[in-house]
Amino acid sequence: MATLLDDLKYSFKTGGVLTQFIYANVGVFLALTIIRLFGFFFKANTLAAVMPWISANSGWEVMLYKPWTAITYMFVHEGFWHILFNMVLLYFSGRIFADLLGGKRFTAVYFMGGIAGFLVYFISYNVFPVFNGASIPIIGASASIMAILVAIATYNPNLELRLILLGNVKLKYIAIFFVATDILFLDQGGNVGGKLAHIGGALYGFLYSTSLKKGNDWSGLFYTVTDFFRDLVAPKPKMKVASSKPGYKARHYHTESKQEKENQIRIDEILDKISRSGYDSLTKEEKQFLFNNAKK
């Protein structure tokens, strides 16, 4: 048992951000499963007592007192098929995203896509008469995953994936299929709130990559905000060297060394090769180069 735990810890530390996010989702799922089973044996609905503290909600009164749930909801799953489908899609879309755009951007898009999905869901339930201002909870990583999928499909739309029974399919068509399904069947099959969140996440992913291709990386804003809150709670050093340049910290994320610029040029060349000939055309060394830079 100790060896298994050691292996999991090592895999978590060395597997990159995609592995860490999958572990986080699965870890929350297992914790909730244990809580549910505990309630089963003692005839208590323990899960019902926990879920309101980690699931987001369309009711503004609920969100006013539990704003953190706009973050926690994107790591929460209840059903086995729910988390299995989400983690499979996260793995395949996230692996491509992290290889091509890096782990830092993956983290930013996961969180911001999830928040965008929640906002579309929240606003829709409080604006459109069909929902009558209902207070409905929402959970799942789907909005974040849709943001990842659509973002990488927008950034490199002609990248081909080999799918069982279908053969080679361009990434843009896979993304269009998922988005179109949510839009066209929004009023059918239930889970309207989830589909609205998917659309919000997809919209963010599209806008993010569109902006990125123009040279504007919204990830910088994400890390500026997270660094601000981290500094609020982090212990202050007794001595520190202050920069004479105002706003230095906010711009630090965008500062690139000569080596980073050279790496980016190499990455762009590899991306061009992928666009022309597909991912499988890369050499082992080129794939390793992308993998190593994705961890940074």
C-alpha atoms as a PDB file:
ATOM      1  CA  MET A   1       0.000   0.000   0.000  1.00  0.00           C
ATOM      2  CA  ALA A   2       2.839   2.352   0.897  1.00  0.00           C
ATOM      3  CA  THR A   3       4.490   1.639  -2.455  1.00  0.00           C
ATOM      4  CA  LEU A   4       1.261   2.487  -4.303  1.00  0.00           C
ATOM      5  CA  LEU A   5       0.937   5.781  -2.436  1.00  0.00           C
ATOM      6  CA  ASP A   6       4.567   6.602  -3.160  1.00  0.00           C
ATOM      7  CA  ASP A   7       4.004   5.875  -6.847  1.00  0.00           C
ATOM      8  CA  LEU A   8       0.950   8.128  -6.902  1.00  0.00           C
ATOM      9  CA  LYS A   9       2.820  10.948  -5.166  1.00  0.00           C
ATOM     10  CA  TYR A  10       5.707  10.636  -7.601  1.00  0.00           C
ATOM     11  CA  SER A  11       3.352  10.582 -10.576  1.00  0.00           C
ATOM     12  CA  PHE A  12       1.550  13.667  -9.247  1.00  0.00           C
ATOM     13  CA  LYS A  13       4.782  15.610  -8.803  1.00  0.00           C
ATOM     14  CA  THR A  14       6.366  14.648 -12.123  1.00  0.00           C
ATOM     15  CA  GLY A  15       3.354  14.189 -14.397  1.00  0.00           C
ATOM     16  CA  GLY A  16       2.773  17.836 -15.257  1.00  0.00           C
ATOM     17  CA  VAL A  17      -0.281  20.014 -14.746  1.00  0.00           C
ATOM     18  CA  LEU A  18      -2.642  17.783 -16.741  1.00  0.00           C
ATOM     19  CA  THR A  19      -1.900  14.807 -14.494  1.00  0.00           C
ATOM     20  CA  GLN A  20      -2.310  17.004 -11.417  1.00  0.00           C
ATOM     21  CA  PHE A  21      -5.712  18.280 -12.530  1.00  0.00           C
ATOM     22  CA  ILE A  22      -6.925  14.761 -13.300  1.00  0.00           C
ATOM     23  CA  TYR A  23      -5.694  13.588  -9.892  1.00  0.00           C
ATOM     24  CA  ALA A  24      -7.465  16.516  -8.214  1.00  0.00           C
ATOM     25  CA  ASN A  25     -10.774  15.663  -9.899  1.00  0.00           C
ATOM     26  CA  VAL A  26     -10.483  11.956  -9.157  1.00  0.00           C
ATOM     27  CA  GLY A  27      -9.388  12.668  -5.573  1.00  0.00           C
ATOM     28  CA  VAL A  28     -12.475  14.802  -4.905  1.00  0.00           C
ATOM     29  CA  PHE A  29     -14.673  12.129  -6.495  1.00  0.00           C
ATOM     30  CA  LEU A  30     -13.207   9.404  -4.267  1.00  0.00           C
ATOM     31  CA  ALA A  31     -13.595  11.573  -1.154  1.00  0.00           C
ATOM     32  CA  LEU A  32     -17.261  12.208  -1.970  1.00  0.00           C
ATOM     33  CA  THR A  33     -17.765   8.497  -2.632  1.00  0.00           C
ATOM     34  CA  ILE A  34     -16.380   7.634   0.813  1.00  0.00           C
ATOM     35  CA  ILE A  35     -18.653  10.246   2.402  1.00  0.00           C
ATOM     36  CA  ARG A  36     -21.644   8.798   0.550  1.00  0.00           C
ATOM     37  CA  LEU A  37     -20.833   5.229   1.640  1.00  0.00           C
ATOM     38  CA  PHE A  38     -20.355   6.367   5.227  1.00  0.00           C
ATOM     39  CA  GLY A  39     -23.854   7.856   5.159  1.00  0.00           C
ATOM     40  CA  PHE A  40     -25.237   4.659   3.631  1.00  0.00           C
ATOM     41  CA  PHE A  41     -24.086   2.510   6.559  1.00  0.00           C
ATOM     42  CA  PHE A  42     -25.391   4.963   9.153  1.00  0.00           C
ATOM     43  CA  LYS A  43     -28.639   5.788   7.314  1.00  0.00           C
ATOM     44  CA  ALA A  44     -27.654   9.417   6.918  1.00  0.00           C
ATOM     45  CA  ASN A  45     -27.589  11.554   3.793  1.00  0.00           C
ATOM     46  CA  THR A  46     -24.075  12.825   4.470  1.00  0.00           C
ATOM     47  CA  LEU A  47     -23.509  13.837   0.845  1.00  0.00           C
ATOM     48  CA  ALA A  48     -26.451  16.228   0.961  1.00  0.00           C
ATOM     49  CA  ALA A  49     -24.762  18.053   3.827  1.00  0.00           C
ATOM     50  CA  VAL A  50     -21.468  18.430   1.938  1.00  0.00           C
ATOM     51  CA  MET A  51     -22.535  19.246  -1.624  1.00  0.00           C
ATOM     52  CA  PRO A  52     -23.991  22.737  -0.966  1.00  0.00           C
ATOM     53  CA  TRP A  53     -20.535  23.858   0.218  1.00  0.00           C
ATOM     54  CA  ILE A  54     -18.694  22.802  -2.946  1.00  0.00           C
ATOM     55  CA  SER A  55     -21.294  23.006  -5.744  1.00  0.00           C
ATOM     56  CA  ALA A  56     -22.115  26.306  -7.455  1.00  0.00           C
ATOM     57  CA  ASN A  57     -25.690  27.543  -7.679  1.00  0.00           C
ATOM     58  CA  SER A  58     -27.863  29.691  -9.918  1.00  0.00           C
ATOM     59  CA  GLY A  59     -29.395  31.453  -6.910  1.00  0.00           C
ATOM     60  CA  TRP A  60     -27.736  34.793  -6.260  1.00  0.00           C
ATOM     61  CA  GLU A  61     -28.491  34.567  -2.527  1.00  0.00           C
ATOM     62  CA  VAL A  62     -26.566  31.284  -2.340  1.00  0.00           C
ATOM     63  CA  MET A  63     -23.596  32.605  -4.312  1.00  0.00           C
ATOM     64  CA  LEU A  64     -23.496  35.774  -2.219  1.00  0.00           C
ATOM     65  CA  TYR A  65     -22.590  33.710   0.838  1.00  0.00           C
ATOM     66  CA  LYS A  66     -20.612  30.980  -0.934  1.00  0.00           C
ATOM     67  CA  PRO A  67     -18.649  32.697  -3.729  1.00  0.00           C
ATOM     68  CA  TRP A  68     -15.811  30.138  -3.557  1.00  0.00           C
ATOM     69  CA  THR A  69     -18.141  27.515  -5.058  1.00  0.00           C
ATOM     70  CA  ALA A  70     -17.668  29.185  -8.474  1.00  0.00           C
ATOM     71  CA  ILE A  71     -14.195  27.575  -8.283  1.00  0.00           C
ATOM     72  CA  THR A  72     -14.814  24.350  -6.373  1.00  0.00           C
ATOM     73  CA  TYR A  73     -17.727  23.208  -8.532  1.00  0.00           C
ATOM     74  CA  MET A  74     -15.401  22.512 -11.465  1.00  0.00           C
ATOM     75  CA  PHE A  75     -13.698  19.684  -9.528  1.00  0.00           C
ATOM     76  CA  VAL A  76     -16.870  17.960  -8.290  1.00  0.00           C
ATOM     77  CA  HIS A  77     -18.446  14.844  -9.835  1.00  0.00           C
ATOM     78  CA  GLU A  78     -20.919  12.370  -8.385  1.00  0.00           C
ATOM     79  CA  GLY A  79     -21.630   9.629 -10.920  1.00  0.00           C
ATOM     80  CA  PHE A  80     -18.973   7.228 -12.240  1.00  0.00           C
ATOM     81  CA  TRP A  81     -19.857   7.799 -15.907  1.00  0.00           C
ATOM     82  CA  HIS A  82     -19.866  11.554 -15.335  1.00  0.00           C
ATOM     83  CA  ILE A  83     -16.276  11.674 -14.141  1.00  0.00           C
ATOM     84  CA  LEU A  84     -15.081   8.948 -16.548  1.00  0.00           C
ATOM     85  CA  PHE A  85     -16.311  10.800 -19.647  1.00  0.00           C
ATOM     86  CA  ASN A  86     -14.994  14.137 -18.387  1.00  0.00           C
ATOM     87  CA  MET A  87     -11.555  12.802 -17.483  1.00  0.00           C
ATOM     88  CA  VAL A  88     -11.155  10.974 -20.794  1.00  0.00           C
ATOM     89  CA  LEU A  89     -12.020  14.141 -22.720  1.00  0.00           C
ATOM     90  CA  LEU A  90      -9.813  16.225 -20.415  1.00  0.00           C
ATOM     91  CA  TYR A  91      -6.889  13.872 -20.991  1.00  0.00           C
ATOM     92  CA  PHE A  92      -7.055  13.901 -24.793  1.00  0.00           C
ATOM     93  CA  SER A  93      -7.785  17.616 -25.230  1.00  0.00           C
ATOM     94  CA  GLY A  94      -5.548  18.642 -22.325  1.00  0.00           C
ATOM     95  CA  ARG A  95      -2.591  16.600 -23.564  1.00  0.00           C
ATOM     96  CA  ILE A  96      -2.639  18.421 -26.900  1.00  0.00           C
ATOM     97  CA  PHE A  97      -3.164  21.798 -25.231  1.00  0.00           C
ATOM     98  CA  ALA A  98      -0.348  21.332 -22.717  1.00  0.00           C
ATOM     99  CA  ASP A  99       2.052  20.013 -25.388  1.00  0.00           C
ATOM    100  CA  LEU A 100       1.448  22.953 -27.714  1.00  0.00           C
ATOM    101  CA  LEU A 101       0.731  25.874 -25.373  1.00  0.00           C
ATOM    102  CA  GLY A 102       2.219  24.839 -22.029  1.00  0.00           C
ATOM    103  CA  GLY A 103       1.112  24.056 -18.521  1.00  0.00           C
ATOM    104  CA  LYS A 104       0.676  27.628 -17.300  1.00  0.00           C
ATOM    105  CA  ARG A 105      -1.787  28.444 -20.050  1.00  0.00           C
ATOM    106  CA  PHE A 106      -3.580  25.141 -19.410  1.00  0.00           C
ATOM    107  CA  THR A 107      -4.116  26.079 -15.764  1.00  0.00           C
ATOM    108  CA  ALA A 108      -5.362  29.563 -16.638  1.00  0.00           C
ATOM    109  CA  VAL A 109      -7.803  28.360 -19.291  1.00  0.00           C
ATOM    110  CA  TYR A 110      -9.126  25.560 -17.057  1.00  0.00           C
ATOM    111  CA  PHE A 111     -10.048  27.992 -14.290  1.00  0.00           C
ATOM    112  CA  MET A 112     -11.176  30.903 -16.448  1.00  0.00           C
ATOM    113  CA  GLY A 113     -13.182  28.610 -18.738  1.00  0.00           C
ATOM    114  CA  GLY A 114     -14.909  27.125 -15.693  1.00  0.00           C
ATOM    115  CA  ILE A 115     -15.722  30.587 -14.358  1.00  0.00           C
ATOM    116  CA  ALA A 116     -17.009  31.707 -17.775  1.00  0.00           C
ATOM    117  CA  GLY A 117     -19.219  28.620 -17.914  1.00  0.00           C
ATOM    118  CA  PHE A 118     -20.616  29.371 -14.482  1.00  0.00           C
ATOM    119  CA  LEU A 119     -21.343  32.998 -15.418  1.00  0.00           C
ATOM    120  CA  VAL A 120     -23.289  32.024 -18.551  1.00  0.00           C
ATOM    121  CA  TYR A 121     -25.252  29.487 -16.488  1.00  0.00           C
ATOM    122  CA  PHE A 122     -25.848  31.926 -13.616  1.00  0.00           C
ATOM    123  CA  ILE A 123     -26.901  34.856 -15.806  1.00  0.00           C
ATOM    124  CA  SER A 124     -29.189  32.677 -17.947  1.00  0.00           C
ATOM    125  CA  TYR A 125     -31.050  31.305 -14.936  1.00  0.00           C
ATOM    126  CA  ASN A 126     -31.581  34.794 -13.550  1.00  0.00           C
ATOM    127  CA  VAL A 127     -32.499  36.547 -16.827  1.00  0.00           C
ATOM    128  CA  PHE A 128     -34.520  34.219 -19.048  1.00  0.00           C
ATOM    129  CA  PRO A 129     -38.178  33.716 -17.991  1.00  0.00           C
ATOM    130  CA  VAL A 130     -38.091  29.992 -18.796  1.00  0.00           C
ATOM    131  CA  PHE A 131     -35.963  29.375 -15.691  1.00  0.00           C
ATOM    132  CA  ASN A 132     -38.078  31.592 -13.419  1.00  0.00           C
ATOM    133  CA  GLY A 133     -35.059  32.499 -11.285  1.00  0.00           C
ATOM    134  CA  ALA A 134     -34.726  28.932 -10.036  1.00  0.00           C
ATOM    135  CA  SER A 135     -32.003  28.102  -7.530  1.00  0.00           C
ATOM    136  CA  ILE A 136     -30.327  25.040  -9.069  1.00  0.00           C
ATOM    137  CA  PRO A 137     -26.893  23.604  -8.158  1.00  0.00           C
ATOM    138  CA  ILE A 138     -24.274  22.774 -10.779  1.00  0.00           C
ATOM    139  CA  ILE A 139     -21.158  20.589 -10.617  1.00  0.00           C
ATOM    140  CA  GLY A 140     -18.578  19.156 -13.005  1.00  0.00           C
ATOM    141  CA  ALA A 141     -15.464  20.045 -14.972  1.00  0.00           C
ATOM    142  CA  SER A 142     -17.300  20.119 -18.315  1.00  0.00           C
ATOM    143  CA  ALA A 143     -17.161  23.900 -18.810  1.00  0.00           C
ATOM    144  CA  SER A 144     -13.413  23.927 -18.122  1.00  0.00           C
ATOM    145  CA  ILE A 145     -12.860  20.986 -20.468  1.00  0.00           C
ATOM    146  CA  MET A 146     -14.879  22.627 -23.237  1.00  0.00           C
ATOM    147  CA  ALA A 147     -12.722  25.729 -22.838  1.00  0.00           C
ATOM    148  CA  ILE A 148      -9.569  23.595 -23.214  1.00  0.00           C
ATOM    149  CA  LEU A 149     -10.943  21.689 -26.217  1.00  0.00           C
ATOM    150  CA  VAL A 150     -12.246  24.718 -28.115  1.00  0.00           C
ATOM    151  CA  ALA A 151      -9.153  26.773 -27.286  1.00  0.00           C
ATOM    152  CA  ILE A 152      -6.743  24.267 -28.798  1.00  0.00           C
ATOM    153  CA  ALA A 153      -9.094  23.589 -31.723  1.00  0.00           C
ATOM    154  CA  THR A 154      -9.181  27.329 -32.436  1.00  0.00           C
ATOM    155  CA  TYR A 155      -5.410  27.648 -32.085  1.00  0.00           C
ATOM    156  CA  ASN A 156      -4.587  24.673 -34.325  1.00  0.00           C
ATOM    157  CA  PRO A 157      -7.845  23.744 -36.113  1.00  0.00           C
ATOM    158  CA  ASN A 158      -6.336  21.450 -38.744  1.00  0.00           C
ATOM    159  CA  LEU A 159      -4.526  19.148 -36.329  1.00  0.00           C
ATOM    160  CA  GLU A 160      -5.746  15.616 -37.055  1.00  0.00           C
ATOM    161  CA  LEU A 161      -6.610  12.945 -34.496  1.00  0.00           C
ATOM    162  CA  ARG A 162      -7.153   9.278 -35.277  1.00  0.00           C
ATOM    163  CA  LEU A 163     -10.518   8.172 -33.868  1.00  0.00           C
ATOM    164  CA  ILE A 164     -11.827   4.631 -33.650  1.00  0.00           C
ATOM    165  CA  LEU A 165     -14.172   3.800 -36.573  1.00  0.00           C
ATOM    166  CA  LEU A 166     -13.842   7.328 -37.996  1.00  0.00           C
ATOM    167  CA  GLY A 167     -10.153   7.488 -38.887  1.00  0.00           C
ATOM    168  CA  ASN A 168      -8.392  10.854 -39.036  1.00  0.00           C
ATOM    169  CA  VAL A 169     -10.589  13.768 -37.977  1.00  0.00           C
ATOM    170  CA  LYS A 170      -9.517  17.397 -37.740  1.00  0.00           C
ATOM    171  CA  LEU A 171      -9.659  18.865 -34.257  1.00  0.00           C
ATOM    172  CA  LYS A 172     -11.936  21.708 -35.335  1.00  0.00           C
ATOM    173  CA  TYR A 173     -14.667  19.258 -36.363  1.00  0.00           C
ATOM    174  CA  ILE A 174     -14.524  17.494 -33.006  1.00  0.00           C
ATOM    175  CA  ALA A 175     -14.943  20.808 -31.189  1.00  0.00           C
ATOM    176  CA  ILE A 176     -17.755  21.907 -33.510  1.00  0.00           C
ATOM    177  CA  PHE A 177     -19.577  18.628 -32.866  1.00  0.00           C
ATOM    178  CA  PHE A 178     -19.571  19.064 -29.081  1.00  0.00           C
ATOM    179  CA  VAL A 179     -20.559  22.745 -29.194  1.00  0.00           C
ATOM    180  CA  ALA A 180     -23.266  22.216 -31.810  1.00  0.00           C
ATOM    181  CA  THR A 181     -24.736  19.336 -29.812  1.00  0.00           C
ATOM    182  CA  ASP A 182     -25.068  21.523 -26.719  1.00  0.00           C
ATOM    183  CA  ILE A 183     -26.648  24.399 -28.653  1.00  0.00           C
ATOM    184  CA  LEU A 184     -29.036  22.430 -30.880  1.00  0.00           C
ATOM    185  CA  PHE A 185     -30.279  20.172 -28.088  1.00  0.00           C
ATOM    186  CA  LEU A 186     -30.221  22.723 -25.293  1.00  0.00           C
ATOM    187  CA  ASP A 187     -33.913  22.196 -24.527  1.00  0.00           C
ATOM    188  CA  GLN A 188     -33.828  18.406 -24.802  1.00  0.00           C
ATOM    189  CA  GLY A 189     -32.474  15.582 -22.683  1.00  0.00           C
ATOM    190  CA  GLY A 190     -32.240  17.541 -19.428  1.00  0.00           C
ATOM    191  CA  ASN A 191     -29.112  19.116 -17.897  1.00  0.00           C
ATOM    192  CA  VAL A 192     -29.911  22.526 -19.396  1.00  0.00           C
ATOM    193  CA  GLY A 193     -27.697  24.251 -16.835  1.00  0.00           C
ATOM    194  CA  GLY A 194     -24.763  22.014 -17.717  1.00  0.00           C
ATOM    195  CA  LYS A 195     -25.174  22.701 -21.431  1.00  0.00           C
ATOM    196  CA  LEU A 196     -25.258  26.450 -20.786  1.00  0.00           C
ATOM    197  CA  ALA A 197     -22.021  26.129 -18.809  1.00  0.00           C
ATOM    198  CA  HIS A 198     -20.480  24.146 -21.688  1.00  0.00           C
ATOM    199  CA  ILE A 199     -21.358  26.945 -24.094  1.00  0.00           C
ATOM    200  CA  GLY A 200     -19.826  29.533 -21.756  1.00  0.00           C
ATOM    201  CA  GLY A 201     -16.617  27.543 -21.454  1.00  0.00           C
ATOM    202  CA  ALA A 202     -16.445  27.008 -25.207  1.00  0.00           C
ATOM    203  CA  LEU A 203     -16.969  30.726 -25.833  1.00  0.00           C
ATOM    204  CA  TYR A 204     -14.103  31.586 -23.509  1.00  0.00           C
ATOM    205  CA  GLY A 205     -11.818  29.032 -25.163  1.00  0.00           C
ATOM    206  CA  PHE A 206     -12.578  30.475 -28.602  1.00  0.00           C
ATOM    207  CA  LEU A 207     -12.009  34.083 -27.520  1.00  0.00           C
ATOM    208  CA  TYR A 208      -8.845  33.148 -25.624  1.00  0.00           C
ATOM    209  CA  SER A 209      -7.131  31.498 -28.586  1.00  0.00           C
ATOM    210  CA  THR A 210      -8.347  34.164 -30.997  1.00  0.00           C
ATOM    211  CA  SER A 211      -6.702  36.744 -28.757  1.00  0.00           C
ATOM    212  CA  LEU A 212      -3.579  34.598 -28.290  1.00  0.00           C
ATOM    213  CA  LYS A 213      -3.018  34.319 -32.048  1.00  0.00           C
ATOM    214  CA  LYS A 214      -3.081  38.118 -32.163  1.00  0.00           C
ATOM    215  CA  GLY A 215      -0.322  38.261 -29.557  1.00  0.00           C
ATOM    216  CA  ASN A 216      -2.487  38.899 -26.476  1.00  0.00           C
ATOM    217  CA  ASP A 217      -2.183  36.204 -23.809  1.00  0.00           C
ATOM    218  CA  TRP A 218      -4.965  36.507 -21.214  1.00  0.00           C
ATOM    219  CA  SER A 219      -3.073  34.075 -18.976  1.00  0.00           C
ATOM    220  CA  GLY A 220      -0.992  37.015 -17.784  1.00  0.00           C
ATOM    221  CA  LEU A 221      -4.058  38.662 -16.252  1.00  0.00           C
ATOM    222  CA  PHE A 222      -5.026  35.397 -14.570  1.00  0.00           C
ATOM    223  CA  TYR A 223      -1.639  35.043 -12.883  1.00  0.00           C
ATOM    224  CA  THR A 224      -1.561  38.712 -11.922  1.00  0.00           C
ATOM    225  CA  VAL A 225      -4.844  38.215 -10.038  1.00  0.00           C
ATOM    226  CA  THR A 226      -3.789  34.922  -8.425  1.00  0.00           C
ATOM    227  CA  ASP A 227      -0.417  36.381  -7.426  1.00  0.00           C
ATOM    228  CA  PHE A 228      -2.226  39.307  -5.786  1.00  0.00           C
ATOM    229  CA  PHE A 229      -4.356  37.029  -3.599  1.00  0.00           C
ATOM    230  CA  ARG A 230      -1.389  34.764  -2.886  1.00  0.00           C
ATOM    231  CA  ASP A 231       0.599  37.749  -1.622  1.00  0.00           C
ATOM    232  CA  LEU A 232      -2.289  38.713   0.681  1.00  0.00           C
ATOM    233  CA  VAL A 233      -2.090  35.427   2.565  1.00  0.00           C
ATOM    234  CA  ALA A 234       1.624  34.648   2.163  1.00  0.00           C
ATOM    235  CA  PRO A 235       3.915  35.536   5.077  1.00  0.00           C
ATOM    236  CA  LYS A 236       5.735  38.812   4.469  1.00  0.00           C
ATOM    237  CA  PRO A 237       9.554  38.671   4.503  1.00  0.00           C
ATOM    238  CA  LYS A 238      11.336  40.946   6.952  1.00  0.00           C
ATOM    239  CA  MET A 239      13.494  42.397   4.210  1.00  0.00           C
ATOM    240  CA  LYS A 240      12.838  42.743   0.519  1.00  0.00           C
ATOM    241  CA  VAL A 241      14.291  44.552  -2.449  1.00  0.00           C
ATOM    242  CA  ALA A 242      11.781  46.853  -4.109  1.00  0.00           C
ATOM    243  CA  SER A 243      11.854  47.539  -7.819  1.00  0.00           C
ATOM    244  CA  SER A 244      12.061  51.138  -8.893  1.00  0.00           C
ATOM    245  CA  LYS A 245       9.864  50.363 -11.879  1.00  0.00           C
ATOM    246  CA  PRO A 246       6.157  50.748 -11.127  1.00  0.00           C
ATOM    247  CA  GLY A 247       4.001  47.813 -12.082  1.00  0.00           C
ATOM    248  CA  TYR A 248       7.007  45.510 -12.421  1.00  0.00           C
ATOM    249  CA  LYS A 249       5.295  42.567 -10.812  1.00  0.00           C
ATOM    250  CA  ALA A 250       2.274  42.742 -13.095  1.00  0.00           C
ATOM    251  CA  ARG A 251       4.536  42.732 -16.141  1.00  0.00           C
ATOM    252  CA  HIS A 252       6.889  40.036 -14.879  1.00  0.00           C
ATOM    253  CA  TYR A 253       4.804  37.222 -16.358  1.00  0.00           C
ATOM    254  CA  HIS A 254       5.312  38.648 -19.839  1.00  0.00           C
ATOM    255  CA  THR A 255       9.088  39.042 -19.506  1.00  0.00           C
ATOM    256  CA  GLU A 256      10.935  36.531 -21.653  1.00  0.00           C
ATOM    257  CA  SER A 257      14.591  35.562 -21.504  1.00  0.00           C
ATOM    258  CA  LYS A 258      16.639  34.937 -24.629  1.00  0.00           C
ATOM    259  CA  GLN A 259      16.368  31.186 -24.059  1.00  0.00           C
ATOM    260  CA  GLU A 260      12.567  31.405 -23.721  1.00  0.00           C
ATOM    261  CA  LYS A 261      12.323  33.326 -26.984  1.00  0.00           C
ATOM    262  CA  GLU A 262      14.466  30.729 -28.752  1.00  0.00           C
ATOM    263  CA  ASN A 263      12.309  27.963 -27.312  1.00  0.00           C
ATOM    264  CA  GLN A 264       9.163  29.706 -28.530  1.00  0.00           C
ATOM    265  CA  ILE A 265      10.590  30.005 -32.034  1.00  0.00           C
ATOM    266  CA  ARG A 266      11.342  26.273 -31.985  1.00  0.00           C
ATOM    267  CA  ILE A 267       7.818  25.531 -30.705  1.00  0.00           C
ATOM    268  CA  ASP A 268       6.283  27.616 -33.502  1.00  0.00           C
ATOM    269  CA  GLU A 269       8.319  25.685 -36.070  1.00  0.00           C
ATOM    270  CA  ILE A 270       7.096  22.388 -34.619  1.00  0.00           C
ATOM    271  CA  LEU A 271       3.507  23.649 -34.617  1.00  0.00           C
ATOM    272  CA  ASP A 272       3.826  24.534 -38.287  1.00  0.00           C
ATOM    273  CA  LYS A 273       5.053  21.015 -38.965  1.00  0.00           C
ATOM    274  CA  ILE A 274       2.063  19.592 -37.069  1.00  0.00           C
ATOM    275  CA  SER A 275      -0.304  21.763 -39.122  1.00  0.00           C
ATOM    276  CA  ARG A 276       1.225  20.499 -42.361  1.00  0.00           C
ATOM    277  CA  SER A 277       1.774  16.826 -41.598  1.00  0.00           C
ATOM    278  CA  GLY A 278       0.080  15.982 -38.294  1.00  0.00           C
ATOM    279  CA  TYR A 279       1.396  15.197 -34.809  1.00  0.00           C
ATOM    280  CA  ASP A 280       2.628  11.732 -35.778  1.00  0.00           C
ATOM    281  CA  SER A 281       5.104  13.286 -38.229  1.00  0.00           C
ATOM    282  CA  LEU A 282       7.189  14.683 -35.355  1.00  0.00           C
ATOM    283  CA  THR A 283      10.453  13.030 -34.446  1.00  0.00           C
ATOM    284  CA  LYS A 284      10.982  11.580 -30.988  1.00  0.00           C
ATOM    285  CA  GLU A 285      13.221  14.520 -30.135  1.00  0.00           C
ATOM    286  CA  GLU A 286      10.598  17.067 -31.245  1.00  0.00           C
ATOM    287  CA  LYS A 287       7.879  15.377 -29.187  1.00  0.00           C
ATOM    288  CA  GLN A 288      10.190  15.335 -26.172  1.00  0.00           C
ATOM    289  CA  PHE A 289      10.955  19.034 -26.674  1.00  0.00           C
ATOM    290  CA  LEU A 290       7.241  19.887 -26.637  1.00  0.00           C
ATOM    291  CA  PHE A 291       6.688  17.689 -23.590  1.00  0.00           C
ATOM    292  CA  ASN A 292       9.540  19.308 -21.648  1.00  0.00           C
ATOM    293  CA  ASN A 293       8.341  22.839 -22.432  1.00  0.00           C
ATOM    294  CA  ALA A 294       4.765  21.963 -21.499  1.00  0.00           C
ATOM    295  CA  LYS A 295       5.922  21.343 -17.916  1.00  0.00           C
ATOM    296  CA  LYS A 296       7.377  24.828 -17.531  1.00  0.00           C
END
